[in-house]
């Protein structure tokens, strides 16, 4: 339940559920048991995001400065959760993070570039609940940024899979298949959504999805 609440951006509620789970597990396991150690770690992450959420209004107004690029990424992810749906702000946070700390772009483990692309695609397609509405030029720029980031992630993942173990290849293919069902990317993937974009842009997005399908191992499509 706590993990589901986290995915929705309901971190305060997730903290309550983690604490309940921790109390129950403490009755069965020693303090050093891996299950309790793992729970303490997950509780700590949820509590950290509760702290970020309190700071978010000031961060959006630039009255509070994130400590580093990674914290900016964390604020970006917080903004794009279903609780907030601040996709324009999320995209801004990620862009700032990558400017401050470029190495975050290539961190495939934490999916920074992929998450940033999702936020940019949504903002670029006019989705979200940001107070400041983006003009057409800025929306087009964000869609192009999303496309650039997804192309870079696709290239990096295919390179990672080349020469890798069967387990690693399967993991990469699994991640790529998720792109084809990711709800946040429907606005730049599904035919009816693409038809609303400029024709040249439609062609670029269709090439991305074709390249993605070609990149997945035949047995995994």
Protein backbone atom coordinates (compact mmCIF):
# COMPACT_ATOMS: atom_id res chain seq x y z
CA UNK A 1 0.00 0.00 0.00
CA UNK A 2 2.82 2.40 0.88
CA UNK A 3 4.55 1.81 -2.46
CA UNK A 4 1.31 2.47 -4.33
CA UNK A 5 0.78 5.70 -2.40
CA UNK A 6 4.34 6.77 -3.22
CA UNK A 7 3.72 6.20 -6.92
CA UNK A 8 0.74 8.55 -6.66
CA UNK A 9 2.82 11.18 -4.87
CA UNK A 10 0.95 10.70 -1.58
CA UNK A 11 4.08 10.59 0.54
CA UNK A 12 2.58 11.60 3.88
CA UNK A 13 0.09 8.74 3.61
CA UNK A 14 2.88 6.41 2.52
CA UNK A 15 4.85 7.31 5.67
CA UNK A 16 1.89 6.24 7.81
CA UNK A 17 1.64 2.90 6.00
CA UNK A 18 5.38 2.25 6.26
CA UNK A 19 5.25 2.92 10.00
CA UNK A 20 2.35 0.49 10.43
CA UNK A 21 4.24 -2.15 8.50
CA UNK A 22 7.40 -1.46 10.46
CA UNK A 23 5.56 -1.86 13.78
CA UNK A 24 4.12 -5.22 12.71
CA UNK A 25 7.46 -6.49 11.43
CA UNK A 26 9.19 -5.41 14.64
CA UNK A 27 7.00 -7.88 16.52
CA UNK A 28 8.37 -10.76 14.40
CA UNK A 29 11.94 -9.83 13.45
CA UNK A 30 15.05 -8.49 15.10
CA UNK A 31 16.09 -4.89 14.41
CA UNK A 32 18.89 -6.10 12.12
CA UNK A 33 16.63 -8.34 10.02
CA UNK A 34 16.87 -7.44 6.28
CA UNK A 35 13.13 -6.85 6.10
CA UNK A 36 13.21 -4.21 8.83
CA UNK A 37 16.40 -2.68 7.46
CA UNK A 38 14.72 -2.36 4.06
CA UNK A 39 11.58 -0.87 5.60
CA UNK A 40 13.59 1.77 7.46
CA UNK A 41 15.25 2.73 4.21
CA UNK A 42 11.94 3.03 2.34
CA UNK A 43 10.41 4.98 5.21
CA UNK A 44 13.36 7.36 5.10
CA UNK A 45 12.81 7.99 1.38
CA UNK A 46 9.09 8.69 1.89
CA UNK A 47 9.87 11.08 4.76
CA UNK A 48 12.45 12.83 2.59
CA UNK A 49 9.82 13.49 -0.10
CA UNK A 50 7.41 14.82 2.53
CA UNK A 51 10.14 17.36 3.35
CA UNK A 52 10.58 18.21 -0.33
CA UNK A 53 6.85 18.67 -0.73
CA UNK A 54 6.84 21.28 2.05
CA UNK A 55 9.59 23.16 0.22
CA UNK A 56 8.03 22.84 -3.25
CA UNK A 57 6.05 26.14 -3.33
CA UNK A 58 9.19 28.13 -2.50
CA UNK A 59 11.31 26.12 -4.95
CA UNK A 60 8.82 26.87 -7.73
CA UNK A 61 9.07 30.59 -6.89
CA UNK A 62 12.90 30.32 -6.79
CA UNK A 63 12.81 31.44 -3.16
CA UNK A 64 14.39 28.12 -2.15
CA UNK A 65 17.33 26.73 -4.09
CA UNK A 66 17.83 22.94 -4.35
CA UNK A 67 21.21 21.85 -3.03
CA UNK A 68 22.43 20.18 -6.22
CA UNK A 69 21.40 18.60 -9.51
CA UNK A 70 20.15 15.39 -7.92
CA UNK A 71 17.84 17.30 -5.59
CA UNK A 72 16.51 19.20 -8.59
CA UNK A 73 15.77 15.85 -10.25
CA UNK A 74 13.96 14.78 -7.09
CA UNK A 75 11.83 17.92 -7.20
CA UNK A 76 11.20 17.22 -10.89
CA UNK A 77 9.91 13.76 -10.09
CA UNK A 78 7.77 15.13 -7.25
CA UNK A 79 6.19 17.66 -9.64
CA UNK A 80 5.25 14.99 -12.17
CA UNK A 81 3.48 12.65 -9.73
CA UNK A 82 -0.29 12.25 -10.16
CA UNK A 83 -0.80 14.26 -6.96
CA UNK A 84 0.73 17.41 -8.48
CA UNK A 85 0.72 17.06 -12.29
CA UNK A 86 3.00 20.09 -12.63
CA UNK A 87 4.59 18.90 -15.83
CA UNK A 88 5.92 22.27 -16.95
CA UNK A 89 7.60 22.81 -13.59
CA UNK A 90 8.89 19.25 -13.66
CA UNK A 91 10.51 19.75 -17.05
CA UNK A 92 12.09 23.00 -15.81
CA UNK A 93 13.51 21.24 -12.75
CA UNK A 94 15.05 18.49 -14.86
CA UNK A 95 16.58 20.94 -17.33
CA UNK A 96 18.13 22.88 -14.47
CA UNK A 97 19.40 19.65 -12.92
CA UNK A 98 21.10 18.53 -16.13
CA UNK A 99 22.69 21.96 -16.55
CA UNK A 100 24.09 21.89 -13.02
CA UNK A 101 25.06 18.21 -13.10
CA UNK A 102 25.26 16.85 -16.69
CA UNK A 103 26.21 13.36 -15.55
CA UNK A 104 22.65 12.84 -14.33
CA UNK A 105 21.54 12.55 -17.94
CA UNK A 106 23.40 9.28 -18.44
CA UNK A 107 22.32 7.65 -15.17
CA UNK A 108 20.21 4.83 -16.59
CA UNK A 109 19.64 3.25 -13.20
CA UNK A 110 17.52 6.16 -11.93
CA UNK A 111 15.93 6.92 -15.32
CA UNK A 112 16.46 10.68 -14.93
CA UNK A 113 16.47 11.41 -18.66
CA UNK A 114 13.47 9.15 -19.32
CA UNK A 115 11.45 10.75 -16.50
CA UNK A 116 12.42 14.19 -17.78
CA UNK A 117 11.27 13.23 -21.28
CA UNK A 118 7.90 12.09 -19.94
CA UNK A 119 7.39 15.41 -18.14
CA UNK A 120 8.49 17.43 -21.18
CA UNK A 121 6.23 15.48 -23.53
CA UNK A 122 3.21 16.04 -21.29
CA UNK A 123 3.96 19.74 -20.82
CA UNK A 124 4.63 20.09 -24.54
CA UNK A 125 1.23 18.61 -25.32
CA UNK A 126 -0.58 20.99 -22.99
CA UNK A 127 -1.17 18.54 -20.17
CA UNK A 128 -0.90 19.25 -16.47
CA UNK A 129 -2.07 21.73 -13.89
CA UNK A 130 0.67 24.36 -13.97
CA UNK A 131 -0.57 27.87 -13.24
CA UNK A 132 1.52 29.38 -16.03
CA UNK A 133 0.33 28.22 -19.44
CA UNK A 134 2.98 27.68 -22.08
CA UNK A 135 2.78 29.31 -25.50
CA UNK A 136 2.99 27.27 -28.71
CA UNK A 137 6.69 27.93 -29.21
CA UNK A 138 7.60 26.72 -25.72
CA UNK A 139 5.39 23.66 -26.05
CA UNK A 140 7.07 22.78 -29.35
CA UNK A 141 10.48 23.22 -27.72
CA UNK A 142 9.55 20.90 -24.88
CA UNK A 143 8.27 18.22 -27.26
CA UNK A 144 11.53 18.44 -29.20
CA UNK A 145 13.46 18.19 -25.94
CA UNK A 146 11.47 15.10 -24.98
CA UNK A 147 12.23 13.55 -28.37
CA UNK A 148 15.95 14.30 -28.02
CA UNK A 149 16.08 12.78 -24.55
CA UNK A 150 14.19 9.64 -25.59
CA UNK A 151 16.46 9.16 -28.61
CA UNK A 152 19.50 9.44 -26.34
CA UNK A 153 18.03 6.97 -23.84
CA UNK A 154 17.15 4.51 -26.61
CA UNK A 155 20.67 4.68 -28.01
CA UNK A 156 22.22 4.23 -24.56
CA UNK A 157 20.00 1.26 -23.70
CA UNK A 158 20.68 -0.52 -26.99
CA UNK A 159 24.40 0.06 -26.47
CA UNK A 160 24.11 -1.31 -22.92
CA UNK A 161 22.42 -4.44 -24.20
CA UNK A 162 25.08 -5.08 -26.85
CA UNK A 163 27.37 -7.84 -25.62
CA UNK A 164 25.56 -8.03 -22.28
CA UNK A 165 24.45 -11.17 -20.44
CA UNK A 166 21.09 -12.73 -21.36
CA UNK A 167 19.70 -11.40 -18.09
CA UNK A 168 20.80 -7.86 -18.88
CA UNK A 169 19.43 -8.05 -22.43
CA UNK A 170 16.09 -9.23 -21.06
CA UNK A 171 16.05 -6.36 -18.55
CA UNK A 172 16.76 -3.79 -21.26
CA UNK A 173 14.07 -5.21 -23.54
CA UNK A 174 11.60 -5.15 -20.66
CA UNK A 175 12.34 -1.48 -20.07
CA UNK A 176 11.95 -0.64 -23.75
CA UNK A 177 8.65 -2.50 -24.00
CA UNK A 178 7.34 -0.32 -21.18
CA UNK A 179 7.79 2.72 -23.43
CA UNK A 180 5.11 1.26 -25.69
CA UNK A 181 2.51 1.21 -22.91
CA UNK A 182 3.65 4.20 -20.83
CA UNK A 183 0.53 6.40 -20.32
CA UNK A 184 2.64 9.57 -20.06
CA UNK A 185 3.90 9.03 -23.62
CA UNK A 186 0.50 8.44 -25.23
CA UNK A 187 0.42 12.11 -26.27
CA UNK A 188 3.42 11.56 -28.56
CA UNK A 189 2.88 7.90 -29.44
CA UNK A 190 -0.76 7.16 -30.23
CA UNK A 191 -2.00 7.89 -33.75
CA UNK A 192 -4.87 10.20 -32.76
CA UNK A 193 -2.57 12.28 -30.55
CA UNK A 194 0.20 12.48 -33.17
CA UNK A 195 -2.27 13.73 -35.76
CA UNK A 196 -2.62 16.95 -33.76
CA UNK A 197 1.09 17.75 -34.12
CA UNK A 198 2.82 19.44 -37.11
CA UNK A 199 3.46 16.93 -39.90
CA UNK A 200 7.25 17.10 -39.70
CA UNK A 201 7.07 16.46 -35.98
CA UNK A 202 4.71 13.53 -36.50
CA UNK A 203 7.28 11.92 -38.78
CA UNK A 204 10.05 12.34 -36.20
CA UNK A 205 8.01 10.72 -33.47
CA UNK A 206 6.95 7.84 -35.72
CA UNK A 207 10.62 7.19 -36.53
CA UNK A 208 11.40 7.02 -32.83
CA UNK A 209 8.73 4.40 -32.22
CA UNK A 210 9.83 2.42 -35.28
CA UNK A 211 13.44 2.50 -34.08
CA UNK A 212 12.29 1.41 -30.64
CA UNK A 213 10.42 -1.60 -31.99
CA UNK A 214 13.40 -2.54 -34.15
CA UNK A 215 15.66 -2.25 -31.11
CA UNK A 216 13.74 -4.80 -29.06
CA UNK A 217 14.95 -8.38 -29.46
CA UNK A 218 12.68 -10.30 -31.89
CA UNK A 219 11.73 -12.85 -29.22
CA UNK A 220 10.70 -10.05 -26.86
CA UNK A 221 8.39 -8.03 -29.13
